[in-house]
Amino acid sequence: MPVPGLTVLVATLLCGLLGGCVSTGETASPDEASVERVATGKPTFLQQTYMTMDTRCRPVKRPTGVLTEPPRHGKVRMATRSAKAEYGPGEYQHCDGKLGPSLAFEYTSRPGYRGSDQFGVRVRYSDGEIRHAQFKVEIY
């Protein structure tokens, strides 16, 4: 069941062969272009996170991130947060729901701003895999 006022983020990715995983607060289809809602001026961790586990569901070094497109109406901070793995069908499905350290994004709008914002990131996994994601937020 979704958290009131929040939806899953636009960046949904498939997990890599070496256990790279996208974690969210809820599951979304890969084609779903969702926008996460955040309160104006309030630092908010977005639901989409990135993590890696090995085949025994043990955490592997957390991915790193680089902001490739900064938000126009706020700022983003990257941090480590505990999250549940969401691999879905495939070799790592048995790890679904396991907790591990993940790369998370905290968005804060300028005080008083209301409207849309977005930012882009590049995520690099310990095996060298690189993924790009676009995050969209609606500030109320």
N, C-alpha and C. Protein backbone atom coordinates (compact mmCIF):
# COMPACT_ATOMS: atom_id res chain seq x y z
N MET A 1 0.85 -1.17 0.00
CA MET A 1 0.00 0.00 0.00
C MET A 1 0.89 1.23 0.00
N PRO A 2 0.64 2.21 -0.88
CA PRO A 2 1.49 3.39 -0.96
C PRO A 2 1.39 4.27 0.27
N VAL A 3 2.48 4.97 0.54
CA VAL A 3 2.51 5.96 1.61
C VAL A 3 1.69 7.16 1.13
N PRO A 4 0.79 7.71 1.94
CA PRO A 4 -0.03 8.84 1.49
C PRO A 4 0.84 9.98 0.95
N GLY A 5 0.45 10.50 -0.21
CA GLY A 5 1.15 11.63 -0.80
C GLY A 5 2.42 11.28 -1.55
N LEU A 6 2.80 10.00 -1.56
CA LEU A 6 4.03 9.61 -2.26
C LEU A 6 3.73 8.55 -3.30
N THR A 7 4.43 8.61 -4.38
CA THR A 7 4.33 7.56 -5.38
C THR A 7 5.73 7.10 -5.72
N VAL A 8 5.79 6.00 -6.39
CA VAL A 8 7.10 5.48 -6.78
C VAL A 8 7.71 6.39 -7.82
N LEU A 9 9.02 6.43 -7.90
CA LEU A 9 9.74 7.34 -8.77
C LEU A 9 9.85 6.83 -10.19
N VAL A 10 10.16 7.74 -11.08
CA VAL A 10 10.20 7.42 -12.51
C VAL A 10 11.30 6.41 -12.85
N ALA A 11 12.40 6.42 -12.11
CA ALA A 11 13.54 5.59 -12.49
C ALA A 11 13.37 4.16 -12.02
N THR A 12 12.84 3.30 -12.86
CA THR A 12 12.77 1.87 -12.56
C THR A 12 13.67 1.14 -13.53
N LEU A 13 14.56 0.33 -12.99
CA LEU A 13 15.56 -0.33 -13.81
C LEU A 13 15.57 -1.83 -13.53
N LEU A 14 16.02 -2.61 -14.46
CA LEU A 14 16.17 -4.04 -14.25
C LEU A 14 17.48 -4.30 -13.53
N CYS A 15 17.55 -5.39 -12.79
CA CYS A 15 18.75 -5.72 -12.04
C CYS A 15 19.77 -6.40 -12.95
N GLY A 16 21.02 -6.10 -12.71
CA GLY A 16 22.10 -6.66 -13.53
C GLY A 16 22.46 -8.07 -13.11
N LEU A 17 23.24 -8.73 -13.93
CA LEU A 17 23.64 -10.10 -13.67
C LEU A 17 24.44 -10.24 -12.38
N LEU A 18 25.15 -9.21 -11.98
CA LEU A 18 25.95 -9.30 -10.76
C LEU A 18 25.22 -8.77 -9.54
N GLY A 19 23.92 -8.69 -9.61
CA GLY A 19 23.16 -8.34 -8.43
C GLY A 19 22.88 -6.87 -8.24
N GLY A 20 23.11 -6.03 -9.24
CA GLY A 20 22.75 -4.62 -9.13
C GLY A 20 21.24 -4.52 -9.04
N CYS A 21 20.74 -3.75 -8.10
CA CYS A 21 19.31 -3.75 -7.86
C CYS A 21 18.79 -2.34 -7.62
N VAL A 22 17.57 -2.13 -8.06
CA VAL A 22 16.86 -0.90 -7.77
C VAL A 22 15.86 -1.22 -6.68
N SER A 23 15.81 -0.43 -5.63
CA SER A 23 14.88 -0.64 -4.53
C SER A 23 13.94 0.54 -4.47
N THR A 24 12.68 0.26 -4.12
CA THR A 24 11.71 1.33 -3.99
C THR A 24 10.80 1.03 -2.82
N GLY A 25 9.99 2.00 -2.49
CA GLY A 25 9.00 1.81 -1.45
C GLY A 25 7.84 0.95 -1.93
N GLU A 26 7.66 0.83 -3.23
CA GLU A 26 6.62 0.00 -3.82
C GLU A 26 7.07 -0.38 -5.22
N THR A 27 6.38 -1.30 -5.86
CA THR A 27 6.78 -1.79 -7.16
C THR A 27 6.06 -1.03 -8.26
N ALA A 28 6.76 -0.74 -9.34
CA ALA A 28 6.17 -0.07 -10.50
C ALA A 28 6.57 -0.80 -11.75
N SER A 29 5.78 -0.69 -12.79
CA SER A 29 6.15 -1.31 -14.06
C SER A 29 7.26 -0.48 -14.68
N PRO A 30 8.13 -1.10 -15.51
CA PRO A 30 9.23 -0.35 -16.12
C PRO A 30 8.76 0.80 -17.00
N ASP A 31 7.53 0.75 -17.53
CA ASP A 31 7.04 1.81 -18.40
C ASP A 31 6.37 2.94 -17.64
N GLU A 32 6.14 2.76 -16.34
CA GLU A 32 5.42 3.76 -15.56
C GLU A 32 6.30 4.98 -15.33
N ALA A 33 5.81 6.14 -15.69
CA ALA A 33 6.53 7.40 -15.47
C ALA A 33 5.86 8.10 -14.29
N SER A 34 6.32 7.80 -13.09
CA SER A 34 5.72 8.35 -11.88
C SER A 34 6.48 9.57 -11.40
N VAL A 35 5.79 10.35 -10.63
CA VAL A 35 6.36 11.55 -10.02
C VAL A 35 6.17 11.42 -8.53
N GLU A 36 7.22 11.70 -7.78
CA GLU A 36 7.12 11.63 -6.33
C GLU A 36 6.78 13.01 -5.78
N ARG A 37 5.86 13.05 -4.84
CA ARG A 37 5.44 14.32 -4.24
C ARG A 37 6.24 14.60 -2.98
N VAL A 38 6.68 15.86 -2.83
CA VAL A 38 7.43 16.28 -1.65
C VAL A 38 6.91 17.64 -1.18
N ALA A 39 7.02 17.91 0.11
CA ALA A 39 6.58 19.18 0.68
C ALA A 39 7.63 20.25 0.42
N THR A 40 7.19 21.47 0.15
CA THR A 40 8.10 22.57 -0.14
C THR A 40 9.07 22.82 1.02
N GLY A 41 10.35 22.92 0.69
CA GLY A 41 11.39 23.23 1.67
C GLY A 41 11.72 22.13 2.65
N LYS A 42 11.06 20.98 2.57
CA LYS A 42 11.27 19.89 3.54
C LYS A 42 12.19 18.82 2.93
N PRO A 43 13.36 18.56 3.55
CA PRO A 43 14.23 17.50 3.04
C PRO A 43 13.47 16.16 3.06
N THR A 44 13.45 15.49 1.90
CA THR A 44 12.69 14.25 1.76
C THR A 44 13.52 13.21 1.03
N PHE A 45 13.68 12.03 1.64
CA PHE A 45 14.34 10.93 0.94
C PHE A 45 13.36 10.36 -0.06
N LEU A 46 13.79 10.26 -1.31
CA LEU A 46 12.96 9.70 -2.36
C LEU A 46 12.95 8.18 -2.23
N GLN A 47 11.91 7.56 -2.73
CA GLN A 47 11.74 6.12 -2.54
C GLN A 47 12.72 5.29 -3.36
N GLN A 48 13.13 5.75 -4.52
CA GLN A 48 14.02 4.99 -5.39
C GLN A 48 15.43 4.97 -4.82
N THR A 49 15.98 3.77 -4.64
CA THR A 49 17.36 3.62 -4.16
C THR A 49 18.06 2.57 -5.02
N TYR A 50 19.38 2.46 -4.87
CA TYR A 50 20.19 1.52 -5.64
C TYR A 50 21.09 0.73 -4.71
N MET A 51 21.15 -0.59 -4.92
CA MET A 51 21.97 -1.45 -4.06
C MET A 51 22.47 -2.65 -4.85
N THR A 52 23.38 -3.42 -4.23
CA THR A 52 23.91 -4.63 -4.84
C THR A 52 24.03 -5.71 -3.76
N MET A 53 23.65 -6.94 -4.13
CA MET A 53 23.82 -8.10 -3.26
C MET A 53 24.47 -9.21 -4.07
N ASP A 54 25.13 -10.13 -3.36
CA ASP A 54 25.67 -11.29 -4.05
C ASP A 54 24.60 -12.38 -4.11
N THR A 55 24.92 -13.53 -4.67
CA THR A 55 23.92 -14.59 -4.86
C THR A 55 23.43 -15.18 -3.53
N ARG A 56 24.15 -14.91 -2.44
CA ARG A 56 23.71 -15.36 -1.11
C ARG A 56 22.96 -14.25 -0.37
N CYS A 57 22.61 -13.19 -1.10
CA CYS A 57 21.85 -12.05 -0.57
C CYS A 57 22.60 -11.26 0.48
N ARG A 58 23.93 -11.28 0.38
CA ARG A 58 24.75 -10.45 1.26
C ARG A 58 25.06 -9.15 0.55
N PRO A 59 24.99 -8.03 1.27
CA PRO A 59 25.29 -6.74 0.63
C PRO A 59 26.71 -6.69 0.08
N VAL A 60 26.84 -6.09 -1.08
CA VAL A 60 28.11 -5.83 -1.72
C VAL A 60 28.28 -4.32 -1.68
N LYS A 61 29.48 -3.82 -1.93
CA LYS A 61 29.73 -2.39 -1.86
C LYS A 61 28.60 -1.58 -2.52
N ARG A 62 28.12 -0.59 -1.80
CA ARG A 62 27.03 0.27 -2.27
C ARG A 62 27.46 1.02 -3.53
N PRO A 63 26.55 1.14 -4.50
CA PRO A 63 26.86 1.92 -5.70
C PRO A 63 27.15 3.38 -5.35
N THR A 64 27.86 4.05 -6.24
CA THR A 64 28.13 5.48 -6.08
C THR A 64 27.29 6.25 -7.09
N GLY A 65 27.08 7.51 -6.84
CA GLY A 65 26.26 8.32 -7.74
C GLY A 65 26.88 9.66 -8.04
N VAL A 66 26.54 10.18 -9.21
CA VAL A 66 26.96 11.51 -9.64
C VAL A 66 25.73 12.22 -10.18
N LEU A 67 25.55 13.45 -9.77
CA LEU A 67 24.45 14.26 -10.28
C LEU A 67 24.84 14.73 -11.68
N THR A 68 24.06 14.33 -12.69
CA THR A 68 24.37 14.71 -14.07
C THR A 68 23.53 15.89 -14.54
N GLU A 69 22.40 16.09 -13.91
CA GLU A 69 21.53 17.22 -14.22
C GLU A 69 20.96 17.73 -12.90
N PRO A 70 21.46 18.84 -12.38
CA PRO A 70 20.97 19.33 -11.09
C PRO A 70 19.52 19.81 -11.18
N PRO A 71 18.80 19.77 -10.07
CA PRO A 71 17.44 20.29 -10.09
C PRO A 71 17.47 21.81 -10.23
N ARG A 72 16.45 22.38 -10.83
CA ARG A 72 16.39 23.83 -11.02
C ARG A 72 15.84 24.56 -9.82
N HIS A 73 15.05 23.87 -9.01
CA HIS A 73 14.33 24.54 -7.92
C HIS A 73 14.65 23.98 -6.55
N GLY A 74 15.78 23.31 -6.42
CA GLY A 74 16.12 22.73 -5.13
C GLY A 74 17.52 22.14 -5.16
N LYS A 75 17.77 21.23 -4.23
CA LYS A 75 19.08 20.58 -4.16
C LYS A 75 18.89 19.09 -3.84
N VAL A 76 19.93 18.32 -4.14
CA VAL A 76 19.91 16.87 -3.92
C VAL A 76 21.14 16.49 -3.11
N ARG A 77 20.93 15.62 -2.14
CA ARG A 77 22.03 15.07 -1.34
C ARG A 77 21.99 13.56 -1.49
N MET A 78 23.15 12.94 -1.71
CA MET A 78 23.24 11.48 -1.80
C MET A 78 23.68 10.95 -0.45
N ALA A 79 23.09 9.81 -0.04
CA ALA A 79 23.39 9.24 1.26
C ALA A 79 23.20 7.73 1.22
N THR A 80 23.70 7.06 2.25
CA THR A 80 23.48 5.62 2.41
C THR A 80 22.28 5.42 3.32
N ARG A 81 21.33 4.60 2.87
CA ARG A 81 20.15 4.25 3.66
C ARG A 81 19.89 2.76 3.53
N SER A 82 19.29 2.19 4.53
CA SER A 82 18.89 0.79 4.48
C SER A 82 17.63 0.68 3.64
N ALA A 83 17.59 -0.31 2.74
CA ALA A 83 16.43 -0.50 1.87
C ALA A 83 16.22 -1.99 1.61
N LYS A 84 15.02 -2.32 1.17
CA LYS A 84 14.69 -3.70 0.79
C LYS A 84 15.00 -3.90 -0.69
N ALA A 85 15.63 -5.02 -1.01
CA ALA A 85 15.94 -5.35 -2.39
C ALA A 85 14.66 -5.70 -3.15
N GLU A 86 14.61 -5.28 -4.41
CA GLU A 86 13.50 -5.63 -5.31
C GLU A 86 14.09 -6.05 -6.65
N TYR A 87 14.35 -7.32 -6.78
CA TYR A 87 14.93 -7.85 -8.01
C TYR A 87 13.87 -8.32 -9.00
N GLY A 88 12.80 -8.90 -8.51
CA GLY A 88 11.79 -9.45 -9.42
C GLY A 88 12.26 -10.75 -10.03
N PRO A 89 11.57 -11.21 -11.07
CA PRO A 89 11.91 -12.50 -11.68
C PRO A 89 13.36 -12.56 -12.13
N GLY A 90 13.99 -13.69 -11.89
CA GLY A 90 15.37 -13.88 -12.33
C GLY A 90 16.24 -14.50 -11.26
N GLU A 91 17.52 -14.48 -11.53
CA GLU A 91 18.53 -15.14 -10.71
C GLU A 91 18.59 -14.65 -9.26
N TYR A 92 18.22 -13.40 -9.01
CA TYR A 92 18.33 -12.83 -7.67
C TYR A 92 16.97 -12.65 -6.98
N GLN A 93 15.93 -13.20 -7.53
CA GLN A 93 14.59 -13.02 -6.96
C GLN A 93 14.52 -13.47 -5.51
N HIS A 94 15.30 -14.49 -5.15
CA HIS A 94 15.30 -14.98 -3.77
C HIS A 94 15.81 -13.92 -2.77
N CYS A 95 16.41 -12.86 -3.27
CA CYS A 95 16.89 -11.77 -2.40
C CYS A 95 15.84 -10.69 -2.18
N ASP A 96 14.72 -10.76 -2.89
CA ASP A 96 13.67 -9.74 -2.73
C ASP A 96 13.29 -9.60 -1.26
N GLY A 97 13.22 -8.37 -0.79
CA GLY A 97 12.84 -8.09 0.59
C GLY A 97 13.99 -8.07 1.58
N LYS A 98 15.17 -8.52 1.17
CA LYS A 98 16.34 -8.50 2.07
C LYS A 98 16.81 -7.05 2.22
N LEU A 99 17.23 -6.70 3.43
CA LEU A 99 17.72 -5.35 3.70
C LEU A 99 19.20 -5.23 3.42
N GLY A 100 19.59 -4.06 2.92
CA GLY A 100 20.99 -3.79 2.67
C GLY A 100 21.22 -2.31 2.50
N PRO A 101 22.50 -1.89 2.52
CA PRO A 101 22.81 -0.48 2.33
C PRO A 101 22.56 -0.08 0.88
N SER A 102 21.92 1.05 0.69
CA SER A 102 21.60 1.50 -0.66
C SER A 102 21.99 2.96 -0.85
N LEU A 103 22.17 3.32 -2.11
CA LEU A 103 22.40 4.72 -2.47
C LEU A 103 21.03 5.38 -2.54
N ALA A 104 20.83 6.41 -1.73
CA ALA A 104 19.54 7.10 -1.67
C ALA A 104 19.74 8.57 -2.01
N PHE A 105 18.64 9.22 -2.41
CA PHE A 105 18.67 10.62 -2.80
C PHE A 105 17.69 11.41 -1.95
N GLU A 106 18.19 12.48 -1.32
CA GLU A 106 17.35 13.36 -0.51
C GLU A 106 17.17 14.67 -1.29
N TYR A 107 15.93 15.00 -1.58
CA TYR A 107 15.61 16.21 -2.34
C TYR A 107 15.03 17.26 -1.39
N THR A 108 15.46 18.51 -1.56
CA THR A 108 14.91 19.64 -0.81
C THR A 108 14.66 20.78 -1.80
N SER A 109 13.41 21.24 -1.87
CA SER A 109 13.10 22.37 -2.76
C SER A 109 13.48 23.67 -2.08
N ARG A 110 13.57 24.73 -2.88
CA ARG A 110 13.75 26.06 -2.29
C ARG A 110 12.51 26.35 -1.44
N PRO A 111 12.68 27.01 -0.30
CA PRO A 111 11.53 27.33 0.55
C PRO A 111 10.47 28.12 -0.22
N GLY A 112 9.24 27.69 -0.10
CA GLY A 112 8.13 28.38 -0.73
C GLY A 112 7.87 28.00 -2.18
N TYR A 113 8.80 27.25 -2.81
CA TYR A 113 8.58 26.86 -4.20
C TYR A 113 7.53 25.77 -4.28
N ARG A 114 6.62 25.90 -5.24
CA ARG A 114 5.63 24.88 -5.53
C ARG A 114 5.61 24.67 -7.03
N GLY A 115 5.58 23.42 -7.45
CA GLY A 115 5.59 23.09 -8.87
C GLY A 115 6.40 21.83 -9.12
N SER A 116 6.89 21.69 -10.32
CA SER A 116 7.64 20.50 -10.73
C SER A 116 9.14 20.77 -10.70
N ASP A 117 9.89 19.70 -10.53
CA ASP A 117 11.35 19.75 -10.64
C ASP A 117 11.81 18.37 -11.07
N GLN A 118 13.04 18.30 -11.52
CA GLN A 118 13.62 17.02 -11.90
C GLN A 118 15.13 17.11 -11.82
N PHE A 119 15.78 15.95 -11.77
CA PHE A 119 17.23 15.90 -11.80
C PHE A 119 17.65 14.55 -12.36
N GLY A 120 18.88 14.51 -12.87
CA GLY A 120 19.42 13.28 -13.44
C GLY A 120 20.61 12.80 -12.64
N VAL A 121 20.80 11.48 -12.62
CA VAL A 121 21.93 10.88 -11.91
C VAL A 121 22.57 9.78 -12.76
N ARG A 122 23.83 9.53 -12.48
CA ARG A 122 24.54 8.38 -13.04
C ARG A 122 24.96 7.53 -11.85
N VAL A 123 24.57 6.27 -11.87
CA VAL A 123 24.87 5.34 -10.79
C VAL A 123 25.90 4.33 -11.28
N ARG A 124 26.96 4.16 -10.50
CA ARG A 124 28.03 3.21 -10.87
C ARG A 124 28.11 2.12 -9.81
N TYR A 125 27.99 0.88 -10.28
CA TYR A 125 28.09 -0.29 -9.40
C TYR A 125 29.54 -0.73 -9.30
N SER A 126 29.86 -1.53 -8.27
CA SER A 126 31.23 -1.94 -8.01
C SER A 126 31.83 -2.77 -9.15
N ASP A 127 30.98 -3.41 -9.98
CA ASP A 127 31.49 -4.19 -11.12
C ASP A 127 31.72 -3.32 -12.35
N GLY A 128 31.48 -2.01 -12.24
CA GLY A 128 31.70 -1.09 -13.34
C GLY A 128 30.45 -0.75 -14.12
N GLU A 129 29.35 -1.47 -13.89
CA GLU A 129 28.10 -1.17 -14.59
C GLU A 129 27.66 0.25 -14.26
N ILE A 130 27.20 0.96 -15.28
CA ILE A 130 26.72 2.33 -15.11
C ILE A 130 25.27 2.40 -15.58
N ARG A 131 24.44 3.05 -14.79
CA ARG A 131 23.04 3.28 -15.15
C ARG A 131 22.73 4.76 -15.00
N HIS A 132 21.82 5.22 -15.83
CA HIS A 132 21.37 6.61 -15.77
C HIS A 132 19.91 6.62 -15.36
N ALA A 133 19.53 7.61 -14.57
CA ALA A 133 18.14 7.73 -14.14
C ALA A 133 17.74 9.19 -14.10
N GLN A 134 16.48 9.43 -14.35
CA GLN A 134 15.88 10.76 -14.29
C GLN A 134 14.84 10.73 -13.17
N PHE A 135 14.94 11.61 -12.22
CA PHE A 135 14.00 11.69 -11.11
C PHE A 135 13.09 12.90 -11.32
N LYS A 136 11.80 12.71 -11.10
CA LYS A 136 10.84 13.81 -11.20
C LYS A 136 10.11 13.96 -9.88
N VAL A 137 9.97 15.19 -9.44
CA VAL A 137 9.28 15.47 -8.19
C VAL A 137 8.23 16.56 -8.40
N GLU A 138 7.18 16.49 -7.64
CA GLU A 138 6.13 17.52 -7.62
C GLU A 138 6.15 18.10 -6.22
N ILE A 139 6.37 19.40 -6.11
CA ILE A 139 6.50 20.06 -4.81
C ILE A 139 5.17 20.74 -4.50
N TYR A 140 4.65 20.46 -3.30
CA TYR A 140 3.36 21.05 -2.87
C TYR A 140 3.54 21.85 -1.60
